[in-house]
N, C-alpha and C. Protein backbone atom coordinates (compact mmCIF):
# COMPACT_ATOMS: atom_id res chain seq x y z
N MET A 1 158.25 190.07 -20.89
CA MET A 1 159.00 188.96 -21.45
C MET A 1 158.35 188.89 -23.13
N SER A 2 159.25 188.64 -23.85
CA SER A 2 159.14 188.90 -25.26
C SER A 2 158.35 188.02 -25.73
N THR A 3 157.69 188.40 -27.19
CA THR A 3 156.62 187.52 -27.98
C THR A 3 157.24 186.03 -28.22
N LEU A 4 158.34 185.87 -28.16
CA LEU A 4 159.23 184.78 -28.71
C LEU A 4 159.21 184.04 -27.49
N ALA A 5 159.29 184.57 -26.25
CA ALA A 5 159.99 183.65 -24.96
C ALA A 5 158.33 183.44 -24.60
N LYS A 6 157.17 183.85 -25.05
CA LYS A 6 155.78 183.51 -24.46
C LYS A 6 155.38 182.31 -25.40
N TRP A 7 155.93 181.73 -26.71
CA TRP A 7 155.62 180.57 -27.54
C TRP A 7 156.41 179.83 -27.49
N VAL A 8 157.92 179.91 -26.97
CA VAL A 8 158.68 178.80 -26.80
C VAL A 8 157.93 177.96 -25.75
N PRO A 9 157.50 177.98 -24.49
CA PRO A 9 157.05 177.50 -23.32
C PRO A 9 156.17 176.62 -24.14
N ALA A 10 155.20 177.16 -24.94
CA ALA A 10 153.65 176.52 -25.43
C ALA A 10 154.20 175.54 -26.57
N VAL A 11 155.08 175.81 -27.07
CA VAL A 11 155.77 175.04 -28.29
C VAL A 11 156.09 173.46 -27.48
N LEU A 12 157.09 173.68 -26.60
CA LEU A 12 157.54 172.79 -25.86
C LEU A 12 156.83 171.55 -25.25
N ALA A 13 155.96 172.56 -24.65
CA ALA A 13 155.06 171.58 -24.15
C ALA A 13 153.94 170.86 -25.12
N LEU A 14 153.62 171.33 -26.40
CA LEU A 14 152.86 170.78 -27.63
C LEU A 14 153.51 169.74 -28.23
N VAL A 15 154.94 169.95 -27.86
CA VAL A 15 155.76 168.49 -28.40
C VAL A 15 156.02 167.37 -27.59
N LEU A 16 155.64 167.80 -26.24
CA LEU A 16 155.84 166.60 -25.24
C LEU A 16 154.52 165.75 -25.27
N VAL A 17 153.60 166.79 -25.37
CA VAL A 17 152.33 166.15 -25.85
C VAL A 17 152.11 165.63 -26.89
N ALA A 18 152.48 165.93 -28.35
CA ALA A 18 152.12 165.43 -29.20
C ALA A 18 153.36 164.21 -29.35
N SER A 19 154.12 164.35 -29.25
CA SER A 19 155.06 163.36 -29.74
C SER A 19 154.93 161.50 -29.11
N PRO A 20 154.73 160.83 -29.73
CA PRO A 20 153.72 159.05 -29.06
C PRO A 20 155.39 159.08 -28.10
N GLY A 21 156.19 158.92 -28.54
CA GLY A 21 157.65 158.80 -27.86
C GLY A 21 157.76 159.37 -26.45
N ILE A 22 157.95 160.72 -26.76
CA ILE A 22 157.89 161.51 -26.11
C ILE A 22 156.71 161.44 -24.18
N TRP A 23 155.53 161.21 -25.13
CA TRP A 23 154.17 161.37 -24.46
C TRP A 23 154.08 160.42 -23.17
N ARG A 24 154.69 159.05 -23.90
CA ARG A 24 154.55 157.76 -22.93
C ARG A 24 155.45 158.08 -21.83
N ILE A 25 156.38 159.14 -21.80
CA ILE A 25 157.39 159.45 -20.69
C ILE A 25 156.72 160.74 -19.58
N SER A 26 156.13 161.65 -20.70
CA SER A 26 155.86 163.04 -19.94
C SER A 26 154.40 162.73 -19.37
N ARG A 27 153.39 161.71 -19.66
CA ARG A 27 152.20 161.25 -19.15
C ARG A 27 152.32 161.03 -17.89
N ASN A 28 153.64 160.85 -17.23
CA ASN A 28 153.47 160.49 -15.87
C ASN A 28 153.17 161.49 -15.22
N THR A 29 153.55 163.08 -15.61
CA THR A 29 153.10 164.01 -14.96
C THR A 29 151.53 164.21 -14.73
N ILE A 30 151.01 164.11 -15.85
CA ILE A 30 149.40 164.22 -15.74
C ILE A 30 149.16 163.19 -14.91
N THR A 31 149.25 161.94 -14.95
CA THR A 31 148.88 161.07 -14.17
C THR A 31 148.92 161.15 -12.58
N ILE A 32 150.13 161.80 -12.34
CA ILE A 32 150.09 162.60 -11.22
C ILE A 32 149.23 163.55 -10.33
N ALA A 33 148.70 164.33 -11.16
CA ALA A 33 147.75 165.15 -11.24
C ALA A 33 146.05 164.26 -11.31
N HIS A 34 146.22 163.32 -11.95
CA HIS A 34 144.67 162.87 -12.09
C HIS A 34 144.71 162.11 -10.97
N GLU A 35 145.46 161.53 -10.50
CA GLU A 35 145.53 160.55 -8.95
C GLU A 35 145.41 161.54 -8.04
N GLY A 36 146.08 162.90 -8.01
CA GLY A 36 146.20 163.96 -7.13
C GLY A 36 144.48 164.35 -6.82
N GLY A 37 143.76 164.58 -8.06
CA GLY A 37 142.54 164.92 -7.80
C GLY A 37 141.57 164.18 -7.29
N HIS A 38 141.51 162.51 -7.85
CA HIS A 38 140.87 161.51 -6.89
C HIS A 38 141.17 161.83 -5.38
N ALA A 39 142.77 161.80 -5.33
CA ALA A 39 142.77 161.72 -3.54
C ALA A 39 142.15 162.88 -3.06
N LEU A 40 142.27 164.28 -3.56
CA LEU A 40 141.81 165.54 -2.69
C LEU A 40 140.29 165.42 -2.69
N ILE A 41 139.63 164.90 -3.96
CA ILE A 41 138.13 164.92 -3.43
C ILE A 41 137.85 163.75 -2.75
N ALA A 42 138.36 162.82 -2.20
CA ALA A 42 138.05 161.98 -1.59
C ALA A 42 138.46 161.93 -0.06
N LEU A 43 139.11 163.20 0.16
CA LEU A 43 139.40 163.60 1.20
C LEU A 43 138.23 165.12 1.78
N LEU A 44 137.71 165.38 0.59
CA LEU A 44 137.00 166.80 1.07
C LEU A 44 135.84 166.32 1.31
N THR A 45 135.19 165.08 0.69
CA THR A 45 134.15 164.51 0.72
C THR A 45 133.82 163.49 1.78
N GLY A 46 134.77 163.59 2.85
CA GLY A 46 134.83 162.45 4.18
C GLY A 46 135.47 160.93 3.76
N ARG A 47 135.88 160.54 2.78
CA ARG A 47 135.85 159.09 2.44
C ARG A 47 137.50 158.83 3.14
N ARG A 48 137.75 157.84 3.48
CA ARG A 48 138.98 157.30 3.69
C ARG A 48 139.95 157.11 2.88
N LEU A 49 140.98 157.96 2.56
CA LEU A 49 142.18 157.57 1.22
C LEU A 49 143.21 156.64 2.10
N GLU A 50 143.27 155.05 1.43
CA GLU A 50 144.16 154.53 2.04
C GLU A 50 145.77 154.32 1.23
N GLY A 51 145.54 155.01 0.08
CA GLY A 51 146.90 155.14 -0.66
C GLY A 51 146.79 155.11 -2.03
N ILE A 52 147.75 155.51 -3.11
CA ILE A 52 147.76 156.28 -4.16
C ILE A 52 148.66 155.26 -4.90
N LYS A 53 148.90 154.77 -6.16
CA LYS A 53 149.98 154.00 -6.89
C LYS A 53 150.01 154.73 -8.21
N LEU A 54 151.06 154.79 -8.62
CA LEU A 54 151.51 155.49 -9.66
C LEU A 54 152.57 154.24 -10.48
N ASN A 55 151.93 153.87 -11.93
CA ASN A 55 152.97 152.65 -12.45
C ASN A 55 153.46 153.01 -13.75
N ALA A 56 154.56 152.68 -13.97
CA ALA A 56 155.33 153.07 -14.96
C ALA A 56 154.63 152.78 -16.83
N ASP A 57 153.77 152.10 -16.72
CA ASP A 57 152.78 152.30 -17.36
C ASP A 57 151.90 153.72 -17.73
N THR A 58 152.22 154.63 -16.86
CA THR A 58 151.33 155.95 -17.02
C THR A 58 150.18 155.63 -16.29
N SER A 59 149.41 154.52 -16.07
CA SER A 59 147.97 154.53 -15.13
C SER A 59 148.41 154.45 -13.88
N GLY A 60 147.44 154.77 -13.16
CA GLY A 60 147.67 155.02 -11.71
C GLY A 60 146.15 154.24 -11.25
N VAL A 61 146.42 154.19 -9.45
CA VAL A 61 144.65 154.34 -9.10
C VAL A 61 145.25 154.67 -7.44
N THR A 62 143.80 155.02 -7.21
CA THR A 62 143.57 155.80 -5.75
C THR A 62 142.78 154.78 -4.88
N VAL A 63 143.14 154.09 -3.83
CA VAL A 63 142.07 153.56 -3.23
C VAL A 63 141.89 154.47 -1.96
N SER A 64 140.31 154.58 -1.94
CA SER A 64 139.58 155.21 -0.79
C SER A 64 138.38 153.93 -0.24
N ARG A 65 137.98 154.17 0.75
CA ARG A 65 137.24 153.59 1.24
C ARG A 65 135.72 154.38 1.71
N GLY A 66 134.44 154.15 1.82
CA GLY A 66 133.36 154.73 1.55
C GLY A 66 131.93 154.28 0.88
N LYS A 67 131.21 155.16 1.30
CA LYS A 67 129.89 154.84 0.42
C LYS A 67 129.82 153.84 -0.96
N PRO A 68 129.51 153.23 -1.67
CA PRO A 68 129.76 152.82 -3.10
C PRO A 68 128.97 153.74 -4.27
N THR A 69 128.10 154.23 -3.19
CA THR A 69 127.39 155.44 -4.23
C THR A 69 127.39 156.56 -3.29
N GLY A 70 126.61 157.53 -4.29
CA GLY A 70 126.68 159.12 -3.75
C GLY A 70 127.10 159.82 -4.45
N ILE A 71 127.06 161.26 -4.08
CA ILE A 71 127.87 162.10 -4.69
C ILE A 71 129.06 162.14 -4.64
N ALA A 72 129.55 161.88 -2.99
CA ALA A 72 130.87 161.89 -2.77
C ALA A 72 131.52 160.84 -4.08
N VAL A 73 131.31 159.67 -4.47
CA VAL A 73 131.91 158.83 -5.27
C VAL A 73 131.79 159.38 -6.64
N VAL A 74 130.82 160.33 -6.97
CA VAL A 74 130.73 160.64 -8.17
C VAL A 74 131.59 161.44 -8.68
N LEU A 75 131.72 162.48 -7.40
CA LEU A 75 132.82 163.85 -7.43
C LEU A 75 134.14 163.28 -7.26
N MET A 76 134.26 162.03 -6.88
CA MET A 76 135.64 161.29 -6.89
C MET A 76 136.41 160.66 -8.09
N TYR A 77 135.32 160.10 -8.77
CA TYR A 77 135.68 159.26 -10.25
C TYR A 77 136.04 160.48 -11.12
N PHE A 78 134.92 161.63 -11.03
CA PHE A 78 134.95 162.09 -12.18
C PHE A 78 135.90 163.65 -11.62
N ALA A 79 136.33 163.46 -10.86
CA ALA A 79 137.82 164.62 -10.78
C ALA A 79 139.06 164.32 -11.84
N GLY A 80 139.34 163.26 -11.58
CA GLY A 80 140.45 162.57 -12.08
C GLY A 80 141.02 163.10 -13.57
N TYR A 81 140.01 162.92 -14.39
CA TYR A 81 140.31 163.41 -15.91
C TYR A 81 140.40 164.82 -16.26
N VAL A 82 140.01 165.51 -15.20
CA VAL A 82 139.84 166.87 -15.16
C VAL A 82 140.69 168.11 -14.54
N THR A 83 141.33 167.30 -13.67
CA THR A 83 142.07 167.69 -12.60
C THR A 83 143.24 168.81 -13.29
N PRO A 84 143.97 167.68 -14.36
CA PRO A 84 145.35 168.63 -14.95
C PRO A 84 144.68 169.77 -15.17
N SER A 85 143.87 169.80 -16.12
CA SER A 85 142.97 170.68 -17.22
C SER A 85 142.49 171.95 -15.93
N LEU A 86 142.18 171.90 -14.81
CA LEU A 86 141.73 172.80 -14.02
C LEU A 86 142.96 173.45 -13.14
N LEU A 87 143.97 172.33 -13.00
CA LEU A 87 144.91 172.75 -12.30
C LEU A 87 145.78 173.99 -13.32
N GLY A 88 145.81 173.20 -14.68
CA GLY A 88 146.67 174.20 -15.74
C GLY A 88 145.91 175.56 -15.39
N LEU A 89 144.18 175.36 -15.75
CA LEU A 89 143.85 176.85 -15.64
C LEU A 89 144.31 177.76 -14.73
N ALA A 90 144.18 177.24 -13.27
CA ALA A 90 144.60 178.40 -12.54
C ALA A 90 145.75 178.66 -12.59
N ALA A 91 146.97 177.65 -13.03
CA ALA A 91 148.31 177.98 -13.10
C ALA A 91 148.19 179.06 -13.87
N ALA A 92 147.40 179.37 -15.21
CA ALA A 92 147.12 180.77 -15.91
C ALA A 92 146.95 181.95 -15.57
N VAL A 93 146.04 181.55 -14.16
CA VAL A 93 145.65 182.67 -13.56
C VAL A 93 146.62 183.32 -12.71
N LEU A 94 147.59 182.30 -12.31
CA LEU A 94 148.68 183.02 -11.38
C LEU A 94 149.83 183.38 -12.38
N VAL A 95 150.00 182.50 -13.34
CA VAL A 95 150.95 183.28 -14.36
C VAL A 95 151.06 184.57 -15.00
N THR A 96 149.57 184.87 -15.38
CA THR A 96 148.92 186.10 -16.09
C THR A 96 149.15 187.13 -14.87
N THR A 97 149.15 186.73 -13.73
CA THR A 97 149.11 188.22 -12.40
C THR A 97 150.33 188.22 -11.59
N ASP A 98 151.27 187.83 -12.15
CA ASP A 98 153.00 187.92 -11.91
C ASP A 98 152.86 187.09 -10.87
N ASN A 99 152.13 186.04 -10.22
CA ASN A 99 152.56 185.20 -9.30
C ASN A 99 153.08 183.77 -9.63
N VAL A 100 154.51 184.10 -10.37
CA VAL A 100 155.05 182.67 -10.86
C VAL A 100 155.66 181.59 -9.48
N ARG A 101 156.03 182.58 -8.46
CA ARG A 101 156.76 182.18 -7.15
C ARG A 101 155.71 181.28 -6.54
N PRO A 102 154.71 181.95 -6.39
CA PRO A 102 153.61 180.98 -5.22
C PRO A 102 153.28 179.93 -6.28
N LEU A 103 152.97 180.10 -7.33
CA LEU A 103 152.69 179.04 -8.17
C LEU A 103 153.65 178.01 -8.08
N LEU A 104 155.06 178.03 -8.20
CA LEU A 104 155.58 177.01 -7.89
C LEU A 104 156.03 176.09 -6.55
N TRP A 105 155.95 177.42 -5.66
CA TRP A 105 155.80 176.74 -4.53
C TRP A 105 154.54 175.87 -3.93
N ALA A 106 153.02 176.27 -4.20
CA ALA A 106 152.20 175.77 -4.30
C ALA A 106 152.26 173.89 -4.89
N THR A 107 153.04 174.10 -5.88
CA THR A 107 153.02 172.71 -6.37
C THR A 107 154.18 172.25 -5.88
N VAL A 108 155.10 172.33 -5.14
CA VAL A 108 155.97 171.58 -4.09
C VAL A 108 155.42 171.34 -3.11
N VAL A 109 154.36 171.91 -2.70
CA VAL A 109 153.54 171.85 -1.40
C VAL A 109 152.74 170.39 -1.81
N LEU A 110 151.86 170.94 -2.66
CA LEU A 110 151.02 169.83 -2.89
C LEU A 110 151.65 168.26 -3.23
N LEU A 111 152.64 168.48 -4.11
CA LEU A 111 153.41 166.87 -4.14
C LEU A 111 153.59 166.73 -2.87
N ALA A 112 154.28 167.52 -2.19
CA ALA A 112 155.23 166.79 -0.90
C ALA A 112 153.92 166.38 -0.19
N ALA A 113 152.50 167.02 0.26
CA ALA A 113 151.49 166.16 0.83
C ALA A 113 151.04 165.04 0.20
N MET A 114 150.93 164.81 -1.11
CA MET A 114 150.59 163.52 -1.96
C MET A 114 151.96 162.30 -1.93
N LEU A 115 152.91 162.72 -1.76
CA LEU A 115 153.91 161.65 -1.64
C LEU A 115 153.36 160.92 -0.11
N ILE A 116 153.20 161.52 1.03
CA ILE A 116 152.86 160.73 1.74
C ILE A 116 151.65 159.63 1.71
N MET A 117 150.86 159.96 0.34
CA MET A 117 149.89 158.45 0.24
C MET A 117 150.42 157.59 -0.92
N ILE A 118 151.52 157.71 -1.40
CA ILE A 118 152.13 156.88 -2.64
C ILE A 118 152.22 155.89 -1.84
N ARG A 119 152.25 154.35 -2.44
CA ARG A 119 151.99 153.20 -1.69
C ARG A 119 153.00 152.46 -2.48
N ASN A 120 153.73 152.91 -3.71
CA ASN A 120 154.65 151.70 -5.04
C ASN A 120 156.00 152.89 -5.26
N VAL A 121 157.06 152.32 -5.52
CA VAL A 121 158.36 152.89 -5.71
C VAL A 121 158.41 153.85 -6.46
N PHE A 122 157.70 153.03 -7.70
CA PHE A 122 157.86 153.75 -9.06
C PHE A 122 156.67 155.39 -8.78
N GLY A 123 155.94 155.05 -7.93
CA GLY A 123 155.10 156.81 -7.48
C GLY A 123 156.14 157.40 -6.80
N VAL A 124 156.72 157.04 -5.75
CA VAL A 124 157.73 157.54 -4.84
C VAL A 124 158.86 158.71 -5.72
N LEU A 125 159.40 157.92 -6.64
CA LEU A 125 160.37 158.38 -7.59
C LEU A 125 159.90 159.24 -8.14
N SER A 126 158.51 159.36 -8.89
CA SER A 126 158.18 160.01 -9.95
C SER A 126 157.57 161.25 -9.17
N VAL A 127 157.09 160.93 -8.16
CA VAL A 127 156.61 162.35 -7.28
C VAL A 127 157.58 163.26 -6.79
N VAL A 128 158.93 162.53 -6.18
CA VAL A 128 159.93 163.21 -5.51
C VAL A 128 160.92 163.74 -6.98
N ALA A 129 160.88 163.14 -8.08
CA ALA A 129 161.52 163.82 -9.31
C ALA A 129 161.01 165.23 -9.63
N THR A 130 159.21 164.95 -9.55
CA THR A 130 159.11 166.39 -10.04
C THR A 130 158.80 167.51 -8.93
N GLY A 131 158.64 167.02 -7.90
CA GLY A 131 159.17 167.83 -6.89
C GLY A 131 160.37 168.77 -6.64
N THR A 132 161.33 167.63 -6.87
CA THR A 132 162.72 168.29 -7.06
C THR A 132 162.89 169.10 -7.96
N ILE A 133 162.57 169.23 -9.20
CA ILE A 133 162.49 169.95 -10.25
C ILE A 133 161.67 171.08 -10.09
N MET A 134 160.71 171.22 -9.49
CA MET A 134 160.10 172.48 -9.39
C MET A 134 160.73 173.20 -8.32
N PHE A 135 161.20 172.58 -7.34
CA PHE A 135 162.12 173.20 -5.73
C PHE A 135 163.11 174.13 -6.76
N VAL A 136 163.95 173.51 -7.51
CA VAL A 136 165.23 173.27 -7.86
C VAL A 136 164.92 175.03 -8.57
N VAL A 137 163.69 174.88 -9.20
CA VAL A 137 163.40 175.97 -10.29
C VAL A 137 163.07 177.05 -9.54
N SER A 138 162.30 177.35 -8.54
CA SER A 138 162.24 177.99 -7.92
C SER A 138 162.48 178.71 -6.88
N TRP A 139 163.74 177.97 -6.23
CA TRP A 139 164.69 178.19 -5.57
C TRP A 139 166.03 179.24 -6.28
N TYR A 140 166.51 177.92 -7.02
CA TYR A 140 167.93 178.52 -7.70
C TYR A 140 167.53 179.52 -9.14
N ALA A 141 166.46 179.03 -9.88
CA ALA A 141 166.69 180.13 -11.15
C ALA A 141 166.14 181.32 -11.16
N ALA A 142 166.72 182.17 -12.25
CA ALA A 142 166.70 183.56 -12.38
C ALA A 142 165.16 183.91 -12.57
N ALA A 143 164.90 184.94 -12.45
CA ALA A 143 163.22 185.37 -12.47
C ALA A 143 162.61 185.24 -13.48
N GLU A 144 163.33 185.36 -14.67
CA GLU A 144 162.96 185.19 -16.29
C GLU A 144 162.87 183.94 -16.19
N TRP A 145 163.66 183.09 -16.10
CA TRP A 145 163.38 181.59 -16.22
C TRP A 145 162.28 180.83 -15.70
N GLN A 146 162.17 181.15 -14.11
CA GLN A 146 161.00 181.16 -13.37
C GLN A 146 159.68 180.93 -14.07
N ALA A 147 159.88 182.22 -14.70
CA ALA A 147 158.57 182.64 -15.66
C ALA A 147 158.13 181.62 -16.82
N ALA A 148 159.54 181.13 -17.57
CA ALA A 148 159.43 180.31 -18.88
C ALA A 148 159.05 179.20 -18.58
N PHE A 149 159.31 178.74 -17.33
CA PHE A 149 159.34 177.04 -16.78
C PHE A 149 157.86 177.28 -16.16
N ALA A 150 157.23 178.15 -15.69
CA ALA A 150 156.09 178.55 -15.22
C ALA A 150 154.63 178.64 -16.40
N LEU A 151 155.23 179.02 -17.18
CA LEU A 151 154.34 179.21 -18.69
C LEU A 151 154.39 177.70 -19.40
N PHE A 152 155.61 177.23 -19.21
CA PHE A 152 155.75 175.68 -19.63
C PHE A 152 154.86 174.68 -19.17
N VAL A 153 155.13 174.58 -17.62
CA VAL A 153 154.05 173.70 -16.63
C VAL A 153 152.62 173.95 -17.29
N THR A 154 152.07 175.41 -17.48
CA THR A 154 150.75 175.52 -17.24
C THR A 154 150.28 174.95 -18.83
N TRP A 155 150.99 175.48 -19.97
CA TRP A 155 150.50 174.78 -20.95
C TRP A 155 150.50 173.39 -21.16
N PHE A 156 151.59 172.92 -20.42
CA PHE A 156 151.46 171.43 -20.53
C PHE A 156 150.36 170.39 -19.86
N LEU A 157 150.02 171.40 -18.73
CA LEU A 157 148.72 170.77 -18.12
C LEU A 157 147.52 171.33 -18.73
N LEU A 158 147.60 172.38 -19.50
CA LEU A 158 145.99 172.15 -20.94
C LEU A 158 146.17 171.49 -21.39
N LEU A 159 147.32 171.55 -22.20
CA LEU A 159 147.56 170.53 -23.26
C LEU A 159 147.23 168.77 -22.89
N GLY A 160 148.03 168.73 -21.91
CA GLY A 160 148.12 167.12 -21.59
C GLY A 160 146.78 166.80 -20.59
N GLY A 161 145.97 167.59 -20.20
CA GLY A 161 144.69 167.33 -20.09
C GLY A 161 143.80 166.92 -20.40
N VAL A 162 143.98 167.06 -22.35
CA VAL A 162 142.82 167.05 -22.96
C VAL A 162 143.55 165.53 -23.82
N ARG A 163 144.81 165.17 -24.48
CA ARG A 163 144.66 164.11 -24.89
C ARG A 163 144.24 162.69 -23.99
N PRO A 164 144.64 162.46 -22.75
CA PRO A 164 143.80 161.33 -21.89
C PRO A 164 142.49 161.37 -22.32
N VAL A 165 141.68 161.64 -22.56
CA VAL A 165 140.29 161.93 -22.74
C VAL A 165 140.07 161.31 -24.09
N GLY A 166 140.93 162.13 -25.09
CA GLY A 166 140.40 160.73 -26.34
C GLY A 166 140.94 159.59 -26.28
N GLU A 167 142.22 159.48 -25.46
CA GLU A 167 142.77 157.82 -25.32
C GLU A 167 141.83 156.81 -24.59
N LEU A 168 141.15 157.53 -23.44
CA LEU A 168 140.51 157.22 -23.20
C LEU A 168 139.21 156.25 -23.79
N GLN A 169 138.13 157.25 -24.60
CA GLN A 169 137.44 156.52 -25.43
C GLN A 169 137.82 155.59 -26.19
N GLY A 170 139.44 155.86 -27.01
CA GLY A 170 139.60 154.90 -28.05
C GLY A 170 139.84 153.60 -27.06
N ARG A 171 140.23 153.31 -25.74
CA ARG A 171 140.16 152.02 -25.31
C ARG A 171 139.11 151.54 -25.03
N ARG A 172 137.98 152.77 -24.66
CA ARG A 172 136.54 151.98 -24.48
C ARG A 172 136.07 151.42 -25.71
N LEU A 173 136.51 151.98 -26.62
CA LEU A 173 135.77 152.06 -28.37
C LEU A 173 136.45 149.87 -28.44
N ARG A 174 137.61 149.97 -27.83
CA ARG A 174 138.07 148.60 -27.91
C ARG A 174 138.16 147.60 -26.95
N GLY A 175 137.40 148.21 -25.77
CA GLY A 175 136.91 147.26 -24.81
C GLY A 175 138.23 146.74 -24.19
N ARG A 176 138.91 147.95 -24.15
CA ARG A 176 140.31 147.64 -23.37
C ARG A 176 139.97 148.47 -21.99
N ALA A 177 139.11 149.25 -21.75
CA ALA A 177 138.73 149.52 -20.54
C ALA A 177 137.40 149.87 -19.75
N PRO A 178 137.31 148.77 -19.48
CA PRO A 178 135.99 148.53 -18.51
C PRO A 178 135.79 148.92 -17.38
N ASN A 179 136.78 149.44 -16.29
CA ASN A 179 136.67 149.96 -14.91
C ASN A 179 137.38 151.24 -15.42
N SER A 180 137.25 151.98 -16.44
CA SER A 180 137.79 153.01 -16.92
C SER A 180 136.92 153.94 -15.41
N ASP A 181 137.41 155.30 -15.21
CA ASP A 181 136.27 156.00 -14.57
C ASP A 181 135.19 156.62 -15.43
N ALA A 182 135.01 157.22 -16.66
CA ALA A 182 133.61 156.73 -17.25
C ALA A 182 132.59 155.71 -16.68
N ASP A 183 133.49 154.38 -16.72
CA ASP A 183 132.41 153.43 -16.85
C ASP A 183 132.07 153.29 -15.45
N MET A 184 132.74 153.55 -14.45
CA MET A 184 132.40 153.50 -12.85
C MET A 184 130.95 154.46 -12.72
N LEU A 185 131.82 155.69 -13.51
CA LEU A 185 130.50 156.69 -13.16
C LEU A 185 128.83 156.32 -13.75
N ALA A 186 129.02 155.45 -15.11
CA ALA A 186 128.22 155.05 -15.96
C ALA A 186 127.48 153.90 -14.96
N ARG A 187 128.17 153.20 -13.96
CA ARG A 187 127.27 152.06 -13.25
C ARG A 187 126.69 152.63 -11.90
N ILE A 188 127.92 153.56 -11.54
CA ILE A 188 126.96 154.16 -10.50
C ILE A 188 125.82 155.21 -10.61
N THR A 189 125.76 155.94 -11.41
CA THR A 189 124.87 156.64 -11.79
C THR A 189 123.66 156.70 -13.14
N ARG A 190 124.35 155.29 -13.69
CA ARG A 190 123.25 154.62 -14.79
C ARG A 190 123.44 155.52 -16.21
N VAL A 191 124.29 156.73 -15.87
CA VAL A 191 124.17 157.57 -17.08
C VAL A 191 125.14 157.13 -17.94
N PRO A 192 124.98 156.78 -19.42
CA PRO A 192 126.07 156.38 -20.63
C PRO A 192 127.72 156.67 -20.32
N GLY A 193 128.51 155.90 -20.22
CA GLY A 193 129.96 156.36 -20.22
C GLY A 193 130.24 157.16 -21.34
N LEU A 194 129.87 157.20 -22.51
CA LEU A 194 130.23 158.20 -23.50
C LEU A 194 129.65 159.67 -22.86
N LEU A 195 128.78 159.83 -22.09
CA LEU A 195 128.30 161.04 -21.99
C LEU A 195 129.21 161.38 -20.50
N TRP A 196 129.91 160.91 -19.82
CA TRP A 196 130.82 161.06 -19.27
C TRP A 196 132.34 161.60 -19.46
N VAL A 197 132.22 160.58 -20.88
CA VAL A 197 133.46 160.99 -21.42
C VAL A 197 133.36 162.64 -22.24
N VAL A 198 132.26 162.53 -22.35
CA VAL A 198 131.87 163.88 -23.32
C VAL A 198 131.89 165.44 -22.14
N LEU A 199 131.79 164.92 -21.00
CA LEU A 199 132.15 165.65 -20.26
C LEU A 199 133.04 166.15 -19.65
N PHE A 200 134.05 165.16 -19.41
CA PHE A 200 135.84 165.28 -19.48
C PHE A 200 136.13 166.11 -20.57
N ALA A 201 135.74 165.85 -21.76
CA ALA A 201 136.17 166.37 -22.77
C ALA A 201 136.09 168.11 -22.84
N VAL A 202 134.57 168.38 -22.39
CA VAL A 202 133.77 170.01 -22.28
C VAL A 202 134.38 170.36 -21.56
N VAL A 203 135.20 170.00 -20.32
CA VAL A 203 136.01 170.57 -19.24
C VAL A 203 137.55 170.79 -19.70
N THR A 204 138.28 169.83 -19.86
CA THR A 204 139.55 170.20 -20.48
C THR A 204 139.65 170.58 -21.74
N VAL A 205 138.82 170.69 -22.70
CA VAL A 205 138.78 171.66 -23.95
C VAL A 205 139.02 172.98 -23.33
N GLY A 206 137.56 173.42 -22.81
CA GLY A 206 137.23 174.67 -22.18
C GLY A 206 138.22 174.96 -21.12
N CYS A 207 139.08 174.50 -20.38
CA CYS A 207 140.31 174.88 -19.74
C CYS A 207 140.91 175.50 -20.68
N LEU A 208 141.54 174.66 -22.05
CA LEU A 208 142.57 174.88 -22.66
C LEU A 208 142.24 176.37 -23.63
N LEU A 209 140.69 176.38 -23.91
CA LEU A 209 140.37 177.61 -24.71
C LEU A 209 140.29 178.72 -23.82
N LEU A 210 140.09 178.55 -22.53
CA LEU A 210 139.96 179.84 -21.36
C LEU A 210 141.58 180.08 -21.06
N GLY A 211 142.32 179.28 -20.80
CA GLY A 211 143.83 179.12 -20.78
C GLY A 211 144.84 179.88 -21.58
N GLY A 212 144.39 179.01 -22.84
CA GLY A 212 145.11 179.55 -23.71
C GLY A 212 144.94 180.95 -24.37
N ARG A 213 143.74 181.65 -23.91
CA ARG A 213 143.11 183.13 -24.33
C ARG A 213 144.17 184.03 -23.26
N MET A 214 144.20 182.94 -22.29
CA MET A 214 144.91 184.25 -21.01
C MET A 214 146.16 184.42 -21.56
N LEU A 215 147.09 183.21 -21.88
CA LEU A 215 148.15 183.03 -22.18
C LEU A 215 148.89 183.38 -23.45
N LEU A 216 148.18 183.10 -24.41
CA LEU A 216 148.57 183.49 -26.02
C LEU A 216 148.82 185.06 -25.89
N PRO A 217 150.19 185.43 -26.51
CA PRO A 217 150.31 186.93 -26.60
C PRO A 217 149.51 187.18 -27.94
N LEU A 218 148.96 188.24 -27.67
CA LEU A 218 148.09 189.49 -28.25
C LEU A 218 148.62 189.56 -29.76
């Protein structure tokens, strides 16, 4: 792949994340990953997952049952904001090792598994639309287009994982996020919510730097 072909997906992803109007639409994909992170950790830690809702305003909620305190619930709340970036970093590893098709198929499988737990119409439409795009590209597109698309998805996850953390702190400063993941973690652990936001930022920015280092043409 030429140097130009490597830059175009990164620039396109940056436009989708940095443009306010487009971001209000594209952010739904980040919300899917965010809520998927909550759901996965809930299952892995033995909590009872009851359902996921994805809303048109790009918010979401994952409902699970279990102890209201403890390491399991802490990991579950922490997972949301860092999952898109961690997925982006994993995708960067797969892309740079020429595992583009496994990346696309793994995404389709994960979305299909998540679809089972979606509990509202908009959420179903969002997951089905995203999964359909992934499937069509993985099944019908030529290899070079698959590679370009995989690069775009990877950059979008890496870049799109950072912006919601800043948005979260902005809402917290305005008093508009009393039940955010950071504030729920603060209540459970008695560690200030701001420190949790900082940890979210450290992970997401760190993933962007590591993933970008792997992806950017030298």
